[in-house]
PDB file of N, CA and C in Angstrom:
ATOM      1  N   MET A   1      -2.223  41.726  17.890  1.00  0.00           N
ATOM      2  CA  MET A   1      -1.115  42.456  18.470  1.00  0.00           C
ATOM      3  C   MET A   1      -1.131  42.299  19.976  1.00  0.00           C
ATOM      4  N   ASN A   2       0.001  42.464  20.525  1.00  0.00           N
ATOM      5  CA  ASN A   2       0.137  42.347  21.976  1.00  0.00           C
ATOM      6  C   ASN A   2      -0.155  43.672  22.640  1.00  0.00           C
ATOM      7  N   THR A   3      -0.866  43.616  23.725  1.00  0.00           N
ATOM      8  CA  THR A   3      -1.097  44.821  24.518  1.00  0.00           C
ATOM      9  C   THR A   3       0.075  44.943  25.475  1.00  0.00           C
ATOM     10  N   PRO A   4       0.278  46.103  26.053  1.00  0.00           N
ATOM     11  CA  PRO A   4       1.427  46.292  26.939  1.00  0.00           C
ATOM     12  C   PRO A   4       1.425  45.353  28.139  1.00  0.00           C
ATOM     13  N   ASN A   5       0.253  44.875  28.594  1.00  0.00           N
ATOM     14  CA  ASN A   5       0.197  44.003  29.769  1.00  0.00           C
ATOM     15  C   ASN A   5       0.462  42.531  29.426  1.00  0.00           C
ATOM     16  N   GLU A   6       0.347  42.154  28.119  1.00  0.00           N
ATOM     17  CA  GLU A   6       0.567  40.765  27.718  1.00  0.00           C
ATOM     18  C   GLU A   6       2.027  40.550  27.405  1.00  0.00           C
ATOM     19  N   LYS A   7       2.496  39.405  27.822  1.00  0.00           N
ATOM     20  CA  LYS A   7       3.884  39.083  27.553  1.00  0.00           C
ATOM     21  C   LYS A   7       3.908  38.075  26.405  1.00  0.00           C
ATOM     22  N   ASN A   8       4.693  38.301  25.387  1.00  0.00           N
ATOM     23  CA  ASN A   8       4.806  37.403  24.256  1.00  0.00           C
ATOM     24  C   ASN A   8       5.707  36.244  24.660  1.00  0.00           C
ATOM     25  N   LYS A   9       5.109  35.085  24.815  1.00  0.00           N
ATOM     26  CA  LYS A   9       5.883  33.918  25.210  1.00  0.00           C
ATOM     27  C   LYS A   9       6.481  33.213  24.000  1.00  0.00           C
ATOM     28  N   GLY A  10       6.016  33.517  22.808  1.00  0.00           N
ATOM     29  CA  GLY A  10       6.536  32.867  21.611  1.00  0.00           C
ATOM     30  C   GLY A  10       5.998  31.451  21.491  1.00  0.00           C
ATOM     31  N   GLY A  11       6.579  30.676  20.594  1.00  0.00           N
ATOM     32  CA  GLY A  11       6.170  29.289  20.419  1.00  0.00           C
ATOM     33  C   GLY A  11       4.993  29.138  19.477  1.00  0.00           C
ATOM     34  N   ARG A  12       4.491  27.956  19.433  1.00  0.00           N
ATOM     35  CA  ARG A  12       3.407  27.616  18.523  1.00  0.00           C
ATOM     36  C   ARG A  12       2.098  28.221  19.012  1.00  0.00           C
ATOM     37  N   PRO A  13       1.308  28.799  18.091  1.00  0.00           N
ATOM     38  CA  PRO A  13       0.021  29.367  18.510  1.00  0.00           C
ATOM     39  C   PRO A  13      -0.961  28.270  18.939  1.00  0.00           C
ATOM     40  N   LYS A  14      -1.849  28.603  19.850  1.00  0.00           N
ATOM     41  CA  LYS A  14      -2.849  27.660  20.341  1.00  0.00           C
ATOM     42  C   LYS A  14      -3.857  27.346  19.242  1.00  0.00           C
ATOM     43  N   LYS A  15      -4.285  26.081  19.179  1.00  0.00           N
ATOM     44  CA  LYS A  15      -5.307  25.676  18.218  1.00  0.00           C
ATOM     45  C   LYS A  15      -6.673  25.929  18.820  1.00  0.00           C
ATOM     46  N   SER A  16      -7.632  26.270  17.955  1.00  0.00           N
ATOM     47  CA  SER A  16      -8.977  26.537  18.457  1.00  0.00           C
ATOM     48  C   SER A  16      -9.650  25.233  18.903  1.00  0.00           C
ATOM     49  N   VAL A  17      -9.377  24.120  18.210  1.00  0.00           N
ATOM     50  CA  VAL A  17      -9.920  22.816  18.591  1.00  0.00           C
ATOM     51  C   VAL A  17      -8.748  21.896  18.859  1.00  0.00           C
ATOM     52  N   LYS A  18      -8.556  21.594  20.132  1.00  0.00           N
ATOM     53  CA  LYS A  18      -7.432  20.748  20.516  1.00  0.00           C
ATOM     54  C   LYS A  18      -7.836  19.279  20.446  1.00  0.00           C
ATOM     55  N   ARG A  19      -7.020  18.493  19.800  1.00  0.00           N
ATOM     56  CA  ARG A  19      -7.266  17.050  19.715  1.00  0.00           C
ATOM     57  C   ARG A  19      -6.456  16.369  20.805  1.00  0.00           C
ATOM     58  N   SER A  20      -7.104  16.109  21.906  1.00  0.00           N
ATOM     59  CA  SER A  20      -6.384  15.564  23.046  1.00  0.00           C
ATOM     60  C   SER A  20      -6.732  14.095  23.321  1.00  0.00           C
ATOM     61  N   TYR A  21      -7.616  13.513  22.543  1.00  0.00           N
ATOM     62  CA  TYR A  21      -7.998  12.114  22.752  1.00  0.00           C
ATOM     63  C   TYR A  21      -7.248  11.227  21.779  1.00  0.00           C
ATOM     64  N   ARG A  22      -6.773  10.094  22.268  1.00  0.00           N
ATOM     65  CA  ARG A  22      -6.003   9.157  21.462  1.00  0.00           C
ATOM     66  C   ARG A  22      -6.805   7.873  21.266  1.00  0.00           C
ATOM     67  N   LEU A  23      -6.695   7.312  20.084  1.00  0.00           N
ATOM     68  CA  LEU A  23      -7.276   6.013  19.789  1.00  0.00           C
ATOM     69  C   LEU A  23      -6.144   5.059  19.445  1.00  0.00           C
ATOM     70  N   ARG A  24      -6.297   3.826  19.865  1.00  0.00           N
ATOM     71  CA  ARG A  24      -5.318   2.805  19.497  1.00  0.00           C
ATOM     72  C   ARG A  24      -5.987   1.858  18.516  1.00  0.00           C
ATOM     73  N   VAL A  25      -5.274   1.550  17.454  1.00  0.00           N
ATOM     74  CA  VAL A  25      -5.805   0.653  16.435  1.00  0.00           C
ATOM     75  C   VAL A  25      -4.854  -0.523  16.301  1.00  0.00           C
ATOM     76  N   ALA A  26      -5.373  -1.720  16.422  1.00  0.00           N
ATOM     77  CA  ALA A  26      -4.554  -2.915  16.254  1.00  0.00           C
ATOM     78  C   ALA A  26      -4.569  -3.322  14.779  1.00  0.00           C
ATOM     79  N   CYS A  27      -3.408  -3.556  14.238  1.00  0.00           N
ATOM     80  CA  CYS A  27      -3.301  -3.993  12.856  1.00  0.00           C
ATOM     81  C   CYS A  27      -2.006  -4.778  12.680  1.00  0.00           C
ATOM     82  N   THR A  28      -1.898  -5.453  11.555  1.00  0.00           N
ATOM     83  CA  THR A  28      -0.678  -6.192  11.259  1.00  0.00           C
ATOM     84  C   THR A  28       0.358  -5.228  10.706  1.00  0.00           C
ATOM     85  N   ALA A  29       1.585  -5.698  10.588  1.00  0.00           N
ATOM     86  CA  ALA A  29       2.643  -4.854  10.029  1.00  0.00           C
ATOM     87  C   ALA A  29       2.306  -4.463   8.593  1.00  0.00           C
ATOM     88  N   LEU A  30       1.763  -5.392   7.834  1.00  0.00           N
ATOM     89  CA  LEU A  30       1.395  -5.106   6.450  1.00  0.00           C
ATOM     90  C   LEU A  30       0.288  -4.058   6.383  1.00  0.00           C
ATOM     91  N   GLU A  31      -0.727  -4.201   7.236  1.00  0.00           N
ATOM     92  CA  GLU A  31      -1.814  -3.220   7.259  1.00  0.00           C
ATOM     93  C   GLU A  31      -1.280  -1.836   7.616  1.00  0.00           C
ATOM     94  N   ARG A  32      -0.361  -1.780   8.572  1.00  0.00           N
ATOM     95  CA  ARG A  32       0.227  -0.499   8.965  1.00  0.00           C
ATOM     96  C   ARG A  32       0.971   0.139   7.793  1.00  0.00           C
ATOM     97  N   GLU A  33       1.757  -0.663   7.084  1.00  0.00           N
ATOM     98  CA  GLU A  33       2.492  -0.136   5.929  1.00  0.00           C
ATOM     99  C   GLU A  33       1.535   0.397   4.864  1.00  0.00           C
ATOM    100  N   ILE A  34       0.449  -0.323   4.632  1.00  0.00           N
ATOM    101  CA  ILE A  34      -0.525   0.108   3.625  1.00  0.00           C
ATOM    102  C   ILE A  34      -1.171   1.425   4.042  1.00  0.00           C
ATOM    103  N   ILE A  35      -1.571   1.528   5.308  1.00  0.00           N
ATOM    104  CA  ILE A  35      -2.203   2.765   5.797  1.00  0.00           C
ATOM    105  C   ILE A  35      -1.229   3.932   5.689  1.00  0.00           C
ATOM    106  N   GLU A  36       0.004   3.721   6.110  1.00  0.00           N
ATOM    107  CA  GLU A  36       1.002   4.791   6.040  1.00  0.00           C
ATOM    108  C   GLU A  36       1.280   5.186   4.598  1.00  0.00           C
ATOM    109  N   ALA A  37       1.349   4.216   3.684  1.00  0.00           N
ATOM    110  CA  ALA A  37       1.608   4.515   2.276  1.00  0.00           C
ATOM    111  C   ALA A  37       0.450   5.302   1.664  1.00  0.00           C
ATOM    112  N   LYS A  38      -0.766   4.911   1.991  1.00  0.00           N
ATOM    113  CA  LYS A  38      -1.931   5.631   1.460  1.00  0.00           C
ATOM    114  C   LYS A  38      -1.998   7.053   2.009  1.00  0.00           C
ATOM    115  N   ALA A  39      -1.675   7.213   3.285  1.00  0.00           N
ATOM    116  CA  ALA A  39      -1.672   8.549   3.878  1.00  0.00           C
ATOM    117  C   ALA A  39      -0.620   9.421   3.202  1.00  0.00           C
ATOM    118  N   LYS A  40       0.543   8.852   2.964  1.00  0.00           N
ATOM    119  CA  LYS A  40       1.619   9.605   2.309  1.00  0.00           C
ATOM    120  C   LYS A  40       1.235   9.966   0.880  1.00  0.00           C
ATOM    121  N   GLN A  41       0.548   9.038   0.208  1.00  0.00           N
ATOM    122  CA  GLN A  41       0.138   9.254  -1.181  1.00  0.00           C
ATOM    123  C   GLN A  41      -0.778  10.471  -1.318  1.00  0.00           C
ATOM    124  N   VAL A  42      -1.628  10.700  -0.334  1.00  0.00           N
ATOM    125  CA  VAL A  42      -2.542  11.844  -0.387  1.00  0.00           C
ATOM    126  C   VAL A  42      -2.040  13.006   0.464  1.00  0.00           C
ATOM    127  N   GLN A  43      -0.795  12.912   0.898  1.00  0.00           N
ATOM    128  CA  GLN A  43      -0.114  13.969   1.652  1.00  0.00           C
ATOM    129  C   GLN A  43      -0.846  14.334   2.940  1.00  0.00           C
ATOM    130  N   LEU A  44      -1.188  13.308   3.707  1.00  0.00           N
ATOM    131  CA  LEU A  44      -1.811  13.499   5.004  1.00  0.00           C
ATOM    132  C   LEU A  44      -1.024  12.709   6.041  1.00  0.00           C
ATOM    133  N   THR A  45      -1.145  13.128   7.281  1.00  0.00           N
ATOM    134  CA  THR A  45      -0.576  12.311   8.347  1.00  0.00           C
ATOM    135  C   THR A  45      -1.485  11.094   8.512  1.00  0.00           C
ATOM    136  N   VAL A  46      -1.006  10.087   9.205  1.00  0.00           N
ATOM    137  CA  VAL A  46      -1.818   8.893   9.422  1.00  0.00           C
ATOM    138  C   VAL A  46      -3.085   9.264  10.182  1.00  0.00           C
ATOM    139  N   SER A  47      -2.978  10.125  11.184  1.00  0.00           N
ATOM    140  CA  SER A  47      -4.155  10.548  11.944  1.00  0.00           C
ATOM    141  C   SER A  47      -5.172  11.244  11.049  1.00  0.00           C
ATOM    142  N   GLU A  48      -4.703  12.180  10.222  1.00  0.00           N
ATOM    143  CA  GLU A  48      -5.609  12.894   9.316  1.00  0.00           C
ATOM    144  C   GLU A  48      -6.250  11.927   8.325  1.00  0.00           C
ATOM    145  N   PHE A  49      -5.437  11.010   7.813  1.00  0.00           N
ATOM    146  CA  PHE A  49      -5.937  10.031   6.846  1.00  0.00           C
ATOM    147  C   PHE A  49      -7.040   9.169   7.461  1.00  0.00           C
ATOM    148  N   LEU A  50      -6.808   8.673   8.671  1.00  0.00           N
ATOM    149  CA  LEU A  50      -7.807   7.823   9.320  1.00  0.00           C
ATOM    150  C   LEU A  50      -9.079   8.599   9.668  1.00  0.00           C
ATOM    151  N   ARG A  51      -8.934   9.863  10.088  1.00  0.00           N
ATOM    152  CA  ARG A  51     -10.119  10.689  10.361  1.00  0.00           C
ATOM    153  C   ARG A  51     -10.912  10.895   9.084  1.00  0.00           C
ATOM    154  N   GLU A  52     -10.217  11.240   8.000  1.00  0.00           N
ATOM    155  CA  GLU A  52     -10.894  11.448   6.713  1.00  0.00           C
ATOM    156  C   GLU A  52     -11.593  10.166   6.264  1.00  0.00           C
ATOM    157  N   ALA A  53     -10.910   9.047   6.403  1.00  0.00           N
ATOM    158  CA  ALA A  53     -11.499   7.768   6.002  1.00  0.00           C
ATOM    159  C   ALA A  53     -12.741   7.466   6.826  1.00  0.00           C
ATOM    160  N   ALA A  54     -12.703   7.768   8.105  1.00  0.00           N
ATOM    161  CA  ALA A  54     -13.846   7.498   8.980  1.00  0.00           C
ATOM    162  C   ALA A  54     -15.032   8.404   8.644  1.00  0.00           C
ATOM    163  N   PHE A  55     -14.759   9.664   8.371  1.00  0.00           N
ATOM    164  CA  PHE A  55     -15.853  10.603   8.112  1.00  0.00           C
ATOM    165  C   PHE A  55     -16.418  10.492   6.708  1.00  0.00           C
ATOM    166  N   ASN A  56     -15.620  10.070   5.765  1.00  0.00           N
ATOM    167  CA  ASN A  56     -16.046  10.073   4.362  1.00  0.00           C
ATOM    168  C   ASN A  56     -16.356   8.689   3.818  1.00  0.00           C
ATOM    169  N   SER A  57     -16.492   7.700   4.678  1.00  0.00           N
ATOM    170  CA  SER A  57     -16.800   6.358   4.197  1.00  0.00           C
ATOM    171  C   SER A  57     -18.203   5.975   4.625  1.00  0.00           C
ATOM    172  N   HIS A  58     -18.747   5.005   3.916  1.00  0.00           N
ATOM    173  CA  HIS A  58     -20.073   4.487   4.250  1.00  0.00           C
ATOM    174  C   HIS A  58     -19.909   3.012   4.592  1.00  0.00           C
ATOM    175  N   ILE A  59     -20.367   2.628   5.768  1.00  0.00           N
ATOM    176  CA  ILE A  59     -20.241   1.244   6.209  1.00  0.00           C
ATOM    177  C   ILE A  59     -21.635   0.700   6.459  1.00  0.00           C
ATOM    178  N   GLU A  60     -21.893  -0.473   5.871  1.00  0.00           N
ATOM    179  CA  GLU A  60     -23.190  -1.124   6.075  1.00  0.00           C
ATOM    180  C   GLU A  60     -23.262  -1.645   7.510  1.00  0.00           C
ATOM    181  N   THR A  61     -24.396  -1.448   8.133  1.00  0.00           N
ATOM    182  CA  THR A  61     -24.564  -1.970   9.483  1.00  0.00           C
ATOM    183  C   THR A  61     -24.763  -3.474   9.411  1.00  0.00           C
ATOM    184  N   ARG A  62     -24.263  -4.149  10.406  1.00  0.00           N
ATOM    185  CA  ARG A  62     -24.407  -5.599  10.446  1.00  0.00           C
ATOM    186  C   ARG A  62     -25.816  -5.954  10.875  1.00  0.00           C
ATOM    187  N   GLN A  63     -26.326  -6.994  10.250  1.00  0.00           N
ATOM    188  CA  GLN A  63     -27.664  -7.448  10.579  1.00  0.00           C
ATOM    189  C   GLN A  63     -27.609  -8.231  11.886  1.00  0.00           C
ATOM    190  N   LYS A  64     -28.363  -7.788  12.880  1.00  0.00           N
ATOM    191  CA  LYS A  64     -28.298  -8.400  14.195  1.00  0.00           C
ATOM    192  C   LYS A  64     -29.217  -9.607  14.327  1.00  0.00           C
ATOM    193  N   THR A  65     -30.308  -9.638  13.582  1.00  0.00           N
ATOM    194  CA  THR A  65     -31.207 -10.779  13.640  1.00  0.00           C
ATOM    195  C   THR A  65     -31.140 -11.522  12.317  1.00  0.00           C
ATOM    196  N   LEU A  66     -31.264 -12.806  12.395  1.00  0.00           N
ATOM    197  CA  LEU A  66     -31.230 -13.615  11.190  1.00  0.00           C
ATOM    198  C   LEU A  66     -32.571 -13.536  10.475  1.00  0.00           C
ATOM    199  N   PRO A  67     -32.555 -13.641   9.152  1.00  0.00           N
ATOM    200  CA  PRO A  67     -33.827 -13.647   8.414  1.00  0.00           C
ATOM    201  C   PRO A  67     -34.685 -14.834   8.831  1.00  0.00           C
ATOM    202  N   ALA A  68     -35.981 -14.690   8.659  1.00  0.00           N
ATOM    203  CA  ALA A  68     -36.926 -15.734   9.066  1.00  0.00           C
ATOM    204  C   ALA A  68     -36.632 -17.048   8.355  1.00  0.00           C
ATOM    205  N   ALA A  69     -36.242 -16.981   7.092  1.00  0.00           N
ATOM    206  CA  ALA A  69     -35.963 -18.210   6.342  1.00  0.00           C
ATOM    207  C   ALA A  69     -34.799 -18.981   6.961  1.00  0.00           C
ATOM    208  N   VAL A  70     -33.769 -18.260   7.411  1.00  0.00           N
ATOM    209  CA  VAL A  70     -32.622 -18.916   8.028  1.00  0.00           C
ATOM    210  C   VAL A  70     -33.027 -19.551   9.351  1.00  0.00           C
ATOM    211  N   LEU A  71     -33.831 -18.845  10.123  1.00  0.00           N
ATOM    212  CA  LEU A  71     -34.313 -19.408  11.389  1.00  0.00           C
ATOM    213  C   LEU A  71     -35.177 -20.649  11.151  1.00  0.00           C
ATOM    214  N   GLU A  72     -35.982 -20.615  10.101  1.00  0.00           N
ATOM    215  CA  GLU A  72     -36.815 -21.774   9.767  1.00  0.00           C
ATOM    216  C   GLU A  72     -35.943 -22.963   9.364  1.00  0.00           C
ATOM    217  N   PHE A  73     -34.923 -22.718   8.535  1.00  0.00           N
ATOM    218  CA  PHE A  73     -34.003 -23.780   8.141  1.00  0.00           C
ATOM    219  C   PHE A  73     -33.287 -24.361   9.356  1.00  0.00           C
ATOM    220  N   THR A  74     -32.866 -23.501  10.261  1.00  0.00           N
ATOM    221  CA  THR A  74     -32.177 -23.958  11.462  1.00  0.00           C
ATOM    222  C   THR A  74     -33.092 -24.847  12.300  1.00  0.00           C
ATOM    223  N   GLY A  75     -34.336 -24.448  12.447  1.00  0.00           N
ATOM    224  CA  GLY A  75     -35.298 -25.252  13.200  1.00  0.00           C
ATOM    225  C   GLY A  75     -35.518 -26.615  12.561  1.00  0.00           C
ATOM    226  N   GLN A  76     -35.648 -26.631  11.231  1.00  0.00           N
ATOM    227  CA  GLN A  76     -35.839 -27.894  10.533  1.00  0.00           C
ATOM    228  C   GLN A  76     -34.614 -28.799  10.689  1.00  0.00           C
ATOM    229  N   LEU A  77     -33.431 -28.202  10.572  1.00  0.00           N
ATOM    230  CA  LEU A  77     -32.210 -28.989  10.733  1.00  0.00           C
ATOM    231  C   LEU A  77     -32.096 -29.564  12.136  1.00  0.00           C
ATOM    232  N   ASN A  78     -32.439 -28.773  13.146  1.00  0.00           N
ATOM    233  CA  ASN A  78     -32.392 -29.262  14.528  1.00  0.00           C
ATOM    234  C   ASN A  78     -33.369 -30.423  14.733  1.00  0.00           C
ATOM    235  N   HIS A  79     -34.548 -30.300  14.159  1.00  0.00           N
ATOM    236  CA  HIS A  79     -35.541 -31.364  14.273  1.00  0.00           C
ATOM    237  C   HIS A  79     -35.037 -32.643  13.603  1.00  0.00           C
ATOM    238  N   LEU A  80     -34.508 -32.503  12.396  1.00  0.00           N
ATOM    239  CA  LEU A  80     -33.975 -33.666  11.676  1.00  0.00           C
ATOM    240  C   LEU A  80     -32.794 -34.277  12.413  1.00  0.00           C
ATOM    241  N   ALA A  81     -31.946 -33.427  12.966  1.00  0.00           N
ATOM    242  CA  ALA A  81     -30.781 -33.930  13.695  1.00  0.00           C
ATOM    243  C   ALA A  81     -31.205 -34.747  14.912  1.00  0.00           C
ATOM    244  N   ALA A  82     -32.241 -34.326  15.604  1.00  0.00           N
ATOM    245  CA  ALA A  82     -32.722 -35.071  16.764  1.00  0.00           C
ATOM    246  C   ALA A  82     -33.256 -36.436  16.337  1.00  0.00           C
ATOM    247  N   ASN A  83     -33.982 -36.473  15.234  1.00  0.00           N
ATOM    248  CA  ASN A  83     -34.512 -37.753  14.744  1.00  0.00           C
ATOM    249  C   ASN A  83     -33.387 -38.684  14.307  1.00  0.00           C
ATOM    250  N   VAL A  84     -32.434 -38.163  13.583  1.00  0.00           N
ATOM    251  CA  VAL A  84     -31.301 -38.970  13.129  1.00  0.00           C
ATOM    252  C   VAL A  84     -30.506 -39.476  14.326  1.00  0.00           C
ATOM    253  N   ASN A  85     -30.362 -38.631  15.331  1.00  0.00           N
ATOM    254  CA  ASN A  85     -29.613 -39.024  16.516  1.00  0.00           C
ATOM    255  C   ASN A  85     -30.291 -40.206  17.229  1.00  0.00           C
ATOM    256  N   SER A  86     -31.600 -40.168  17.350  1.00  0.00           N
ATOM    257  CA  SER A  86     -32.288 -41.272  18.021  1.00  0.00           C
ATOM    258  C   SER A  86     -32.172 -42.561  17.215  1.00  0.00           C
ATOM    259  N   LEU A  87     -32.230 -42.460  15.886  1.00  0.00           N
ATOM    260  CA  LEU A  87     -32.078 -43.648  15.052  1.00  0.00           C
ATOM    261  C   LEU A  87     -30.640 -44.178  15.111  1.00  0.00           C
ATOM    262  N   ALA A  88     -29.676 -43.283  15.134  1.00  0.00           N
ATOM    263  CA  ALA A  88     -28.279 -43.703  15.230  1.00  0.00           C
ATOM    264  C   ALA A  88     -28.016 -44.382  16.561  1.00  0.00           C
ATOM    265  N   TYR A  89     -28.647 -43.899  17.625  1.00  0.00           N
ATOM    266  CA  TYR A  89     -28.491 -44.511  18.941  1.00  0.00           C
ATOM    267  C   TYR A  89     -28.970 -45.967  18.909  1.00  0.00           C
ATOM    268  N   LYS A  90     -30.124 -46.158  18.290  1.00  0.00           N
ATOM    269  CA  LYS A  90     -30.676 -47.517  18.201  1.00  0.00           C
ATOM    270  C   LYS A  90     -29.778 -48.406  17.343  1.00  0.00           C
ATOM    271  N   ASN A  91     -29.289 -47.866  16.230  1.00  0.00           N
ATOM    272  CA  ASN A  91     -28.413 -48.631  15.343  1.00  0.00           C
ATOM    273  C   ASN A  91     -27.120 -49.007  16.054  1.00  0.00           C
ATOM    274  N   ASN A  92     -26.555 -48.081  16.814  1.00  0.00           N
ATOM    275  CA  ASN A  92     -25.299 -48.342  17.527  1.00  0.00           C
ATOM    276  C   ASN A  92     -25.487 -49.357  18.656  1.00  0.00           C
ATOM    277  N   ALA A  93     -26.713 -49.494  19.136  1.00  0.00           N
ATOM    278  CA  ALA A  93     -27.006 -50.477  20.181  1.00  0.00           C
ATOM    279  C   ALA A  93     -27.287 -51.852  19.576  1.00  0.00           C
ATOM    280  N   ALA A  94     -27.042 -51.990  18.257  1.00  0.00           N
ATOM    281  CA  ALA A  94     -27.206 -53.253  17.520  1.00  0.00           C
ATOM    282  C   ALA A  94     -28.645 -53.747  17.540  1.00  0.00           C
ATOM    283  N   GLN A  95     -29.583 -52.820  17.511  1.00  0.00           N
ATOM    284  CA  GLN A  95     -30.991 -53.190  17.434  1.00  0.00           C
ATOM    285  C   GLN A  95     -31.450 -53.010  15.990  1.00  0.00           C
ATOM    286  N   ALA A  96     -32.234 -53.911  15.501  1.00  0.00           N
ATOM    287  CA  ALA A  96     -32.713 -53.831  14.120  1.00  0.00           C
ATOM    288  C   ALA A  96     -33.846 -52.812  14.029  1.00  0.00           C
ATOM    289  N   PHE A  97     -33.941 -52.192  12.865  1.00  0.00           N
ATOM    290  CA  PHE A  97     -35.027 -51.241  12.633  1.00  0.00           C
ATOM    291  C   PHE A  97     -36.277 -52.012  12.231  1.00  0.00           C
ATOM    292  N   ASN A  98     -37.422 -51.578  12.756  1.00  0.00           N
ATOM    293  CA  ASN A  98     -38.680 -52.170  12.302  1.00  0.00           C
ATOM    294  C   ASN A  98     -39.159 -51.414  11.065  1.00  0.00           C
ATOM    295  N   ALA A  99     -40.266 -51.820  10.499  1.00  0.00           N
ATOM    296  CA  ALA A  99     -40.779 -51.233   9.256  1.00  0.00           C
ATOM    297  C   ALA A  99     -41.075 -49.744   9.427  1.00  0.00           C
ATOM    298  N   PHE A 100     -41.631 -49.366  10.582  1.00  0.00           N
ATOM    299  CA  PHE A 100     -41.939 -47.956  10.830  1.00  0.00           C
ATOM    300  C   PHE A 100     -40.661 -47.108  10.845  1.00  0.00           C
ATOM    301  N   GLU A 101     -39.633 -47.595  11.512  1.00  0.00           N
ATOM    302  CA  GLU A 101     -38.374 -46.850  11.603  1.00  0.00           C
ATOM    303  C   GLU A 101     -37.681 -46.751  10.246  1.00  0.00           C
ATOM    304  N   ARG A 102     -37.776 -47.805   9.434  1.00  0.00           N
ATOM    305  CA  ARG A 102     -37.200 -47.737   8.082  1.00  0.00           C
ATOM    306  C   ARG A 102     -37.933 -46.692   7.254  1.00  0.00           C
ATOM    307  N   THR A 103     -39.234 -46.647   7.396  1.00  0.00           N
ATOM    308  CA  THR A 103     -40.032 -45.633   6.682  1.00  0.00           C
ATOM    309  C   THR A 103     -39.666 -44.237   7.166  1.00  0.00           C
ATOM    310  N   GLU A 104     -39.521 -44.103   8.474  1.00  0.00           N
ATOM    311  CA  GLU A 104     -39.146 -42.806   9.044  1.00  0.00           C
ATOM    312  C   GLU A 104     -37.762 -42.368   8.541  1.00  0.00           C
ATOM    313  N   LEU A 105     -36.874 -43.333   8.423  1.00  0.00           N
ATOM    314  CA  LEU A 105     -35.527 -43.026   7.929  1.00  0.00           C
ATOM    315  C   LEU A 105     -35.580 -42.546   6.481  1.00  0.00           C
ATOM    316  N   ARG A 106     -36.410 -43.189   5.668  1.00  0.00           N
ATOM    317  CA  ARG A 106     -36.560 -42.756   4.264  1.00  0.00           C
ATOM    318  C   ARG A 106     -37.152 -41.339   4.212  1.00  0.00           C
ATOM    319  N   GLN A 107     -38.130 -41.063   5.066  1.00  0.00           N
ATOM    320  CA  GLN A 107     -38.741 -39.729   5.101  1.00  0.00           C
ATOM    321  C   GLN A 107     -37.721 -38.675   5.526  1.00  0.00           C
ATOM    322  N   LEU A 108     -36.892 -39.009   6.505  1.00  0.00           N
ATOM    323  CA  LEU A 108     -35.858 -38.068   6.939  1.00  0.00           C
ATOM    324  C   LEU A 108     -34.880 -37.777   5.809  1.00  0.00           C
ATOM    325  N   ALA A 109     -34.502 -38.805   5.087  1.00  0.00           N
ATOM    326  CA  ALA A 109     -33.586 -38.622   3.962  1.00  0.00           C
ATOM    327  C   ALA A 109     -34.226 -37.707   2.914  1.00  0.00           C
ATOM    328  N   GLU A 110     -35.516 -37.915   2.646  1.00  0.00           N
ATOM    329  CA  GLU A 110     -36.211 -37.068   1.676  1.00  0.00           C
ATOM    330  C   GLU A 110     -36.314 -35.628   2.168  1.00  0.00           C
ATOM    331  N   GLN A 111     -36.597 -35.450   3.452  1.00  0.00           N
ATOM    332  CA  GLN A 111     -36.665 -34.101   4.015  1.00  0.00           C
ATOM    333  C   GLN A 111     -35.312 -33.399   3.919  1.00  0.00           C
ATOM    334  N   LEU A 112     -34.250 -34.140   4.167  1.00  0.00           N
ATOM    335  CA  LEU A 112     -32.914 -33.548   4.052  1.00  0.00           C
ATOM    336  C   LEU A 112     -32.629 -33.108   2.618  1.00  0.00           C
ATOM    337  N   LYS A 113     -33.019 -33.928   1.652  1.00  0.00           N
ATOM    338  CA  LYS A 113     -32.828 -33.566   0.243  1.00  0.00           C
ATOM    339  C   LYS A 113     -33.611 -32.301  -0.094  1.00  0.00           C
ATOM    340  N   GLU A 114     -34.861 -32.238   0.355  1.00  0.00           N
ATOM    341  CA  GLU A 114     -35.701 -31.063   0.099  1.00  0.00           C
ATOM    342  C   GLU A 114     -35.113 -29.817   0.751  1.00  0.00           C
ATOM    343  N   LEU A 115     -34.637 -29.974   1.977  1.00  0.00           N
ATOM    344  CA  LEU A 115     -34.055 -28.842   2.693  1.00  0.00           C
ATOM    345  C   LEU A 115     -32.791 -28.348   1.998  1.00  0.00           C
ATOM    346  N   ALA A 116     -31.956 -29.279   1.573  1.00  0.00           N
ATOM    347  CA  ALA A 116     -30.733 -28.899   0.851  1.00  0.00           C
ATOM    348  C   ALA A 116     -31.083 -28.164  -0.440  1.00  0.00           C
ATOM    349  N   GLU A 117     -32.103 -28.619  -1.135  1.00  0.00           N
ATOM    350  CA  GLU A 117     -32.539 -27.966  -2.377  1.00  0.00           C
ATOM    351  C   GLU A 117     -33.085 -26.570  -2.077  1.00  0.00           C
ATOM    352  N   ALA A 118     -33.854 -26.446  -1.012  1.00  0.00           N
ATOM    353  CA  ALA A 118     -34.404 -25.139  -0.636  1.00  0.00           C
ATOM    354  C   ALA A 118     -33.274 -24.162  -0.283  1.00  0.00           C
ATOM    355  N   ILE A 119     -32.260 -24.645   0.410  1.00  0.00           N
ATOM    356  CA  ILE A 119     -31.125 -23.782   0.747  1.00  0.00           C
ATOM    357  C   ILE A 119     -30.406 -23.335  -0.516  1.00  0.00           C
ATOM    358  N   LYS A 120     -30.170 -24.253  -1.444  1.00  0.00           N
ATOM    359  CA  LYS A 120     -29.533 -23.905  -2.720  1.00  0.00           C
ATOM    360  C   LYS A 120     -30.330 -22.836  -3.449  1.00  0.00           C
ATOM    361  N   ASN A 121     -31.656 -23.041  -3.526  1.00  0.00           N
ATOM    362  CA  ASN A 121     -32.510 -22.079  -4.237  1.00  0.00           C
ATOM    363  C   ASN A 121     -32.518 -20.720  -3.557  1.00  0.00           C
ATOM    364  N   ARG A 122     -32.484 -20.722  -2.243  1.00  0.00           N
ATOM    365  CA  ARG A 122     -32.499 -19.463  -1.486  1.00  0.00           C
ATOM    366  C   ARG A 122     -31.209 -18.671  -1.702  1.00  0.00           C
ATOM    367  N   LEU A 123     -30.086 -19.395  -1.805  1.00  0.00           N
ATOM    368  CA  LEU A 123     -28.797 -18.721  -1.961  1.00  0.00           C
ATOM    369  C   LEU A 123     -28.557 -18.226  -3.389  1.00  0.00           C
ATOM    370  N   ARG A 124     -29.332 -18.666  -4.336  1.00  0.00           N
ATOM    371  CA  ARG A 124     -29.152 -18.219  -5.734  1.00  0.00           C
ATOM    372  C   ARG A 124     -29.689 -16.854  -5.954  1.00  0.00           C
TER     373      ARG A 124
END
């Protein structure tokens, strides 16, 4: 109730928790339509819907470091790439491979096959 010293200004009553911060979300027209349709379906405003979705959802954190196996594969690939590059340089310079280089080339091919197989097995 109003006391004699208070003047009733009328209008909307003050909220106990004022939401004065705005967020901007970039989305496509289709995404916007989907969000608006889902909000309407559950009888919420878009703001209420997005707040509810944010508070009531579980999101997996992204892994910031790569697993050791991936780092090992990357190192092996870099090593093989350097060897192949040096052999390709010699081949492009029209120099013939000697017996050692032919053997090294066969070993590189075998290592690549093994690495590809290891990657396949790891991904299964």
